[in-house]
Protein backbone atom coordinates (compact mmCIF):
# COMPACT_ATOMS: atom_id res chain seq x y z
CA MET A 1 114.92 104.89 73.27
CA SER A 2 117.32 107.01 71.19
CA ALA A 3 120.55 106.77 69.21
CA GLY A 4 122.28 109.04 66.71
CA HIS A 5 121.49 106.94 63.64
CA LEU A 6 117.77 107.22 64.38
CA LEU A 7 117.90 110.91 63.26
CA ARG A 8 115.32 111.95 65.81
CA GLY A 9 116.73 115.48 65.92
CA HIS A 10 115.67 116.00 62.29
CA ALA A 11 112.00 115.28 62.98
CA PRO A 12 109.45 118.10 63.46
CA ILE A 13 108.50 116.55 66.78
CA SER A 14 108.70 118.20 70.19
CA GLU A 15 110.37 116.61 73.19
CA LYS A 16 106.96 116.12 74.77
CA ALA A 17 105.62 114.39 71.64
CA TRP A 18 108.66 112.10 71.48
CA GLY A 19 107.92 111.15 75.07
CA LEU A 20 104.34 110.23 74.14
CA ILE A 21 105.54 108.17 71.17
CA ASP A 22 108.11 106.30 73.25
CA GLU A 23 105.59 105.59 76.00
CA GLU A 24 103.08 104.24 73.47
CA ALA A 25 105.71 102.09 71.77
CA LYS A 26 106.83 100.59 75.08
CA ALA A 27 103.24 99.91 76.16
CA ARG A 28 102.46 98.10 72.90
CA LEU A 29 105.70 96.16 72.58
CA THR A 30 106.40 94.92 76.10
CA PRO A 31 103.43 92.53 76.66
CA GLY A 32 104.01 90.56 73.46
CA LEU A 33 107.79 90.17 73.39
CA ALA A 34 107.60 86.67 74.83
CA GLY A 35 110.78 85.31 73.31
CA ARG A 36 113.15 87.67 75.09
CA ARG A 37 111.33 87.04 78.40
CA LEU A 38 111.95 83.29 78.22
CA VAL A 39 115.49 83.09 76.81
CA ASP A 40 118.87 84.48 77.87
CA PHE A 41 118.89 88.13 76.74
CA GLU A 42 122.27 89.79 76.34
CA GLY A 43 122.67 93.48 75.52
CA PRO A 44 121.77 95.85 74.10
CA LYS A 45 125.29 96.25 72.72
CA GLY A 46 124.58 99.15 70.37
CA TRP A 47 123.92 99.74 66.69
CA GLU A 48 127.57 99.12 65.82
CA HIS A 49 127.43 95.54 67.13
CA SER A 50 127.20 93.50 63.94
CA ALA A 51 127.78 89.84 64.75
CA THR A 52 127.66 87.26 67.51
CA SER A 53 130.79 85.22 68.12
CA LEU A 54 130.15 81.49 67.97
CA GLY A 55 133.50 80.63 69.59
CA ARG A 56 134.48 78.47 66.62
CA VAL A 57 136.63 78.65 63.49
CA SER A 58 136.06 77.32 59.99
CA ASP A 59 137.39 73.90 59.05
CA GLU A 60 139.10 75.29 55.97
CA GLU A 61 142.74 76.31 56.32
CA ILE A 62 143.30 79.54 54.33
CA SER A 63 146.90 80.66 54.89
CA PRO A 64 148.80 81.57 51.67
CA LEU A 65 152.14 80.79 53.33
CA ASP A 66 153.81 77.51 54.18
CA HIS A 67 154.14 76.71 57.88
CA VAL A 68 151.60 79.43 58.80
CA GLU A 69 148.04 78.44 59.64
CA GLY A 70 145.00 80.62 59.06
CA ARG A 71 141.37 80.00 59.89
CA VAL A 72 138.33 82.28 59.83
CA ARG A 73 136.34 82.74 62.99
CA ARG A 74 132.67 81.83 62.67
CA VAL A 75 130.08 84.44 63.60
CA LEU A 76 126.32 84.87 63.37
CA PRO A 77 125.43 88.26 61.81
CA LEU A 78 122.74 90.33 63.47
CA VAL A 79 119.56 90.98 61.50
CA GLU A 80 118.09 94.49 61.35
CA VAL A 81 114.31 94.67 61.73
CA ARG A 82 112.31 97.77 60.81
CA ALA A 83 108.57 98.52 60.70
CA ARG A 84 107.42 101.92 59.39
CA PHE A 85 104.39 103.89 60.53
CA VAL A 86 102.90 107.35 60.03
CA VAL A 87 101.78 109.87 62.66
CA SER A 88 99.68 112.88 61.79
CA ARG A 89 101.33 116.24 62.56
CA ALA A 90 97.92 117.47 63.70
CA GLU A 91 97.77 114.62 66.24
CA LEU A 92 101.28 115.43 67.45
CA ALA A 93 100.25 119.06 67.91
CA ALA A 94 97.21 117.90 69.86
CA GLY A 95 99.52 115.92 72.13
CA ASP A 96 101.64 119.02 72.71
CA ARG A 97 98.47 120.82 73.83
CA GLY A 98 97.72 118.07 76.35
CA ALA A 99 95.30 115.82 74.45
CA GLU A 100 94.86 112.44 76.11
CA ASP A 101 93.60 110.61 73.01
CA VAL A 102 96.40 111.07 70.45
CA ASP A 103 95.89 108.71 67.49
CA PHE A 104 98.77 106.24 67.46
CA ASP A 105 96.92 103.47 65.61
CA GLU A 106 99.64 103.00 62.99
CA LEU A 107 102.31 102.83 65.70
CA ASP A 108 100.28 100.18 67.50
CA ALA A 109 99.99 98.13 64.30
CA ALA A 110 103.72 98.45 63.60
CA ALA A 111 104.51 97.33 67.16
CA GLN A 112 102.43 94.19 66.68
CA ARG A 113 104.23 93.42 63.41
CA VAL A 114 107.59 93.68 65.17
CA VAL A 115 106.38 91.51 68.06
CA VAL A 116 105.25 88.78 65.67
CA ALA A 117 108.49 89.00 63.65
CA GLU A 118 110.71 88.67 66.73
CA ASN A 119 108.71 85.87 68.34
CA THR A 120 108.51 83.98 65.06
CA ALA A 121 112.29 84.19 64.65
CA VAL A 122 112.91 82.97 68.21
CA PHE A 123 110.42 80.10 68.25
CA HIS A 124 110.14 79.05 64.59
CA GLY A 125 113.23 80.47 62.93
CA TRP A 126 114.15 82.93 60.18
CA SER A 127 116.18 81.00 57.64
CA ASP A 128 117.29 83.96 55.51
CA ALA A 129 118.66 85.61 58.66
CA GLY A 130 120.54 82.47 59.72
CA ILE A 131 118.23 81.91 62.70
CA ASP A 132 117.00 78.44 63.62
CA GLY A 133 114.06 78.70 66.00
CA ILE A 134 113.49 76.77 69.20
CA ALA A 135 110.67 74.55 67.91
CA ARG A 136 112.44 73.85 64.63
CA GLN A 137 115.64 72.80 66.38
CA SER A 138 114.03 70.57 68.99
CA PRO A 139 114.91 66.89 68.44
CA HIS A 140 111.79 65.75 70.30
CA ASP A 141 108.58 64.74 68.56
CA ALA A 142 106.01 67.52 68.67
CA ILE A 143 102.97 66.75 70.84
CA PRO A 144 99.70 67.04 68.88
CA CYS A 145 96.82 68.63 70.79
CA GLY A 146 94.15 69.22 68.14
CA ASP A 147 91.16 70.97 69.68
CA GLU A 148 91.39 69.19 73.03
CA VAL A 149 92.32 72.24 75.08
CA ASP A 150 91.05 70.65 78.29
CA ARG A 151 93.81 68.04 77.91
CA TYR A 152 96.55 70.64 77.95
CA PRO A 153 97.74 69.51 81.42
CA SER A 154 98.40 66.08 79.91
CA PHE A 155 100.24 67.56 76.95
CA VAL A 156 102.35 69.86 79.10
CA ALA A 157 103.10 67.04 81.56
CA ARG A 158 104.28 64.88 78.65
CA ALA A 159 106.53 67.69 77.46
CA VAL A 160 108.01 68.20 80.94
CA GLU A 161 108.53 64.45 81.33
CA THR A 162 110.33 64.38 77.96
CA LEU A 163 112.66 67.15 79.10
CA LEU A 164 113.35 65.46 82.44
CA ARG A 165 114.03 62.15 80.70
CA ASN A 166 116.63 63.90 78.58
CA GLY A 167 118.37 65.48 81.55
CA VAL A 168 116.92 68.97 81.09
CA GLY A 169 116.09 70.55 84.44
CA GLY A 170 113.47 73.16 85.23
CA PRO A 171 111.64 75.25 86.01
CA TYR A 172 109.81 75.25 82.70
CA ALA A 173 107.80 77.84 80.80
CA LEU A 174 105.03 77.65 78.22
CA ALA A 175 104.80 80.06 75.29
CA LEU A 176 101.35 80.10 73.69
CA GLY A 177 100.22 81.72 70.44
CA ARG A 178 97.32 84.17 70.50
CA GLU A 179 94.55 81.66 69.87
CA GLU A 180 95.97 78.98 72.16
CA TYR A 181 96.47 81.46 75.01
CA THR A 182 92.84 82.62 74.76
CA ARG A 183 91.56 79.05 74.71
CA VAL A 184 93.62 78.10 77.76
CA ILE A 185 92.72 81.05 79.99
CA GLU A 186 88.99 80.65 79.28
CA ILE A 187 88.72 77.06 80.50
CA ALA A 188 88.03 75.91 84.04
CA GLU A 189 88.58 72.26 84.90
CA ARG A 190 86.45 70.06 87.13
CA GLY A 191 86.01 71.66 90.52
CA GLY A 192 86.40 75.16 89.04
CA VAL A 193 90.20 75.12 89.03
CA LEU A 194 91.48 77.30 86.21
CA LEU A 195 93.40 75.38 83.58
CA PHE A 196 95.91 78.23 83.57
CA ASP A 197 96.72 77.70 87.27
CA HIS A 198 97.00 73.92 86.83
CA LEU A 199 99.51 74.36 84.01
CA ARG A 200 101.64 76.74 86.06
CA LYS A 201 101.91 74.14 88.83
CA ILE A 202 103.11 71.52 86.35
CA LEU A 203 105.64 73.87 84.80
CA GLY A 204 106.94 75.59 87.90
CA GLY A 205 107.37 78.65 85.69
CA PRO A 206 105.43 81.20 83.62
CA ILE A 207 102.87 80.92 80.84
CA VAL A 208 103.29 83.75 78.36
CA TRP A 209 101.23 85.24 75.55
CA ALA A 210 103.39 84.91 72.45
CA PRO A 211 101.95 86.35 69.21
CA GLY A 212 103.66 84.64 66.28
CA VAL A 213 103.95 81.25 67.97
CA ASP A 214 102.12 78.43 66.22
CA GLY A 215 100.55 76.35 69.00
CA GLY A 216 102.75 76.20 72.07
CA VAL A 217 106.32 75.54 73.16
CA VAL A 218 107.44 74.16 76.53
CA LEU A 219 111.02 75.19 77.29
CA SER A 220 113.42 75.00 80.19
CA GLN A 221 114.21 78.10 82.24
CA ARG A 222 117.45 76.72 83.71
CA GLY A 223 119.44 79.15 81.53
CA GLY A 224 122.12 78.81 78.89
CA ASP A 225 119.95 76.99 76.34
CA PHE A 226 118.57 79.80 74.17
CA LEU A 227 120.61 82.93 73.47
CA PHE A 228 119.27 86.30 72.27
CA ASP A 229 122.01 88.81 71.39
CA SER A 230 120.66 92.38 71.14
CA GLY A 231 122.52 95.09 69.24
CA GLN A 232 120.13 98.03 68.97
CA ASP A 233 117.21 97.44 71.27
CA LEU A 234 113.79 98.43 69.97
CA ALA A 235 113.65 102.17 69.34
CA VAL A 236 111.71 104.72 67.30
CA GLY A 237 113.51 106.52 64.48
CA TYR A 238 112.68 109.28 62.00
CA GLU A 239 112.49 108.79 58.21
CA SER A 240 110.72 111.74 56.56
CA HIS A 241 107.86 114.22 56.79
CA ASP A 242 105.58 116.42 54.72
CA ALA A 243 103.05 119.10 55.57
CA GLU A 244 100.59 116.61 57.06
CA ASN A 245 102.40 113.51 58.31
CA VAL A 246 105.63 112.27 59.84
CA THR A 247 106.97 108.87 58.79
CA LEU A 248 108.71 107.05 61.64
CA TYR A 249 109.81 103.48 62.24
CA LEU A 250 110.45 100.92 64.95
CA GLU A 251 113.87 99.33 64.63
CA GLU A 252 116.06 96.75 66.32
CA SER A 253 118.98 94.45 65.54
CA PHE A 254 119.54 91.01 67.04
CA SER A 255 120.71 87.47 66.56
CA PHE A 256 119.33 84.33 68.15
CA ARG A 257 120.78 80.85 68.50
CA VAL A 258 119.80 77.59 70.15
CA ALA A 259 122.63 76.20 72.28
CA SER A 260 120.69 73.19 73.61
CA PRO A 261 118.05 71.97 71.13
CA GLU A 262 116.92 69.25 73.55
CA ALA A 263 115.67 71.86 76.06
CA ALA A 264 112.28 72.43 74.40
CA VAL A 265 109.23 70.52 73.17
CA ALA A 266 106.62 71.87 70.74
CA ILE A 267 102.86 71.39 71.12
CA VAL A 268 101.04 71.61 67.79
CA ARG A 269 97.41 71.62 66.65
C-alpha cells in the first residue's frame, strides 16, 4: 500500500504504526468494494497511468497538410479520488507500545466515503468524471420492487429472464444497497428457506453488499461487459502534521466503462 507520491516517508509515523493503519484500511475497505468484485478489474497500473484507451479515433480529420491524414485517439481519463482523515499522534504512540484499541474512527469513516464513491461511480455513474454507470446505461426497464421484499425472487427471476432473452449468459450476480441487503438477509420464506439462499440459486452467482447502490442491480458475470481500469489502487498517503495530529488520506485513481449495456437490469424501490 505504498508509492513515492504518497510521501509516507515524511510522516512522523513508525513502520509498525503504518502497518496498523494499512491493516485497518484494508479491513474497512474490502467488504464494501462491491463494484470491483463484480466487474472486470484490470491493474493496478500505477500512479502514472492517466487514461484508458478506447480503441477508437475521433471522427474529425485534423491534419494541416494535404494528402496526410490525422486523427486523435479517444481515451477515457482516470479520475483521482481522495478522502482525508486525521489520526492522533498519541494514538499512534499507543499503537507503537502495543495497544490493541487504537482509535482509527476517522480512517473508518473515510474508508466508507471512498467505498460509496467508487460503488456509486460503477453502478450509477459519475458524469463529471466521464463515467456512465451500469444501471444508468442499461437499456432495459428497471424493475420496481417497492417494499415487497418477499417478492425479490420474482424480481430477480424477471431480471435474469430479461438478460437471457437478450442473449446475455450467466452466471449472474446481485448488488444490493445497504438497506436492501439488510432487508433481504432478514427474511425467511415459507418453509424457513432463507430468501438469500433462494436468490443465489436463481442467479447462479453471488449477492454482494454494495454501499452506494440505490436498490439493486442484477448483472452478468460472463466477463467482458463492465471494465474497471485501476491506476493507483487504494492506498494511504501523508499530507501534514502538527504537535497533536497527523493528516492522512486514502487515494486511488481509476476509470470505468460499460462495454455491454444490455448485460444488467436495475431493481428500484
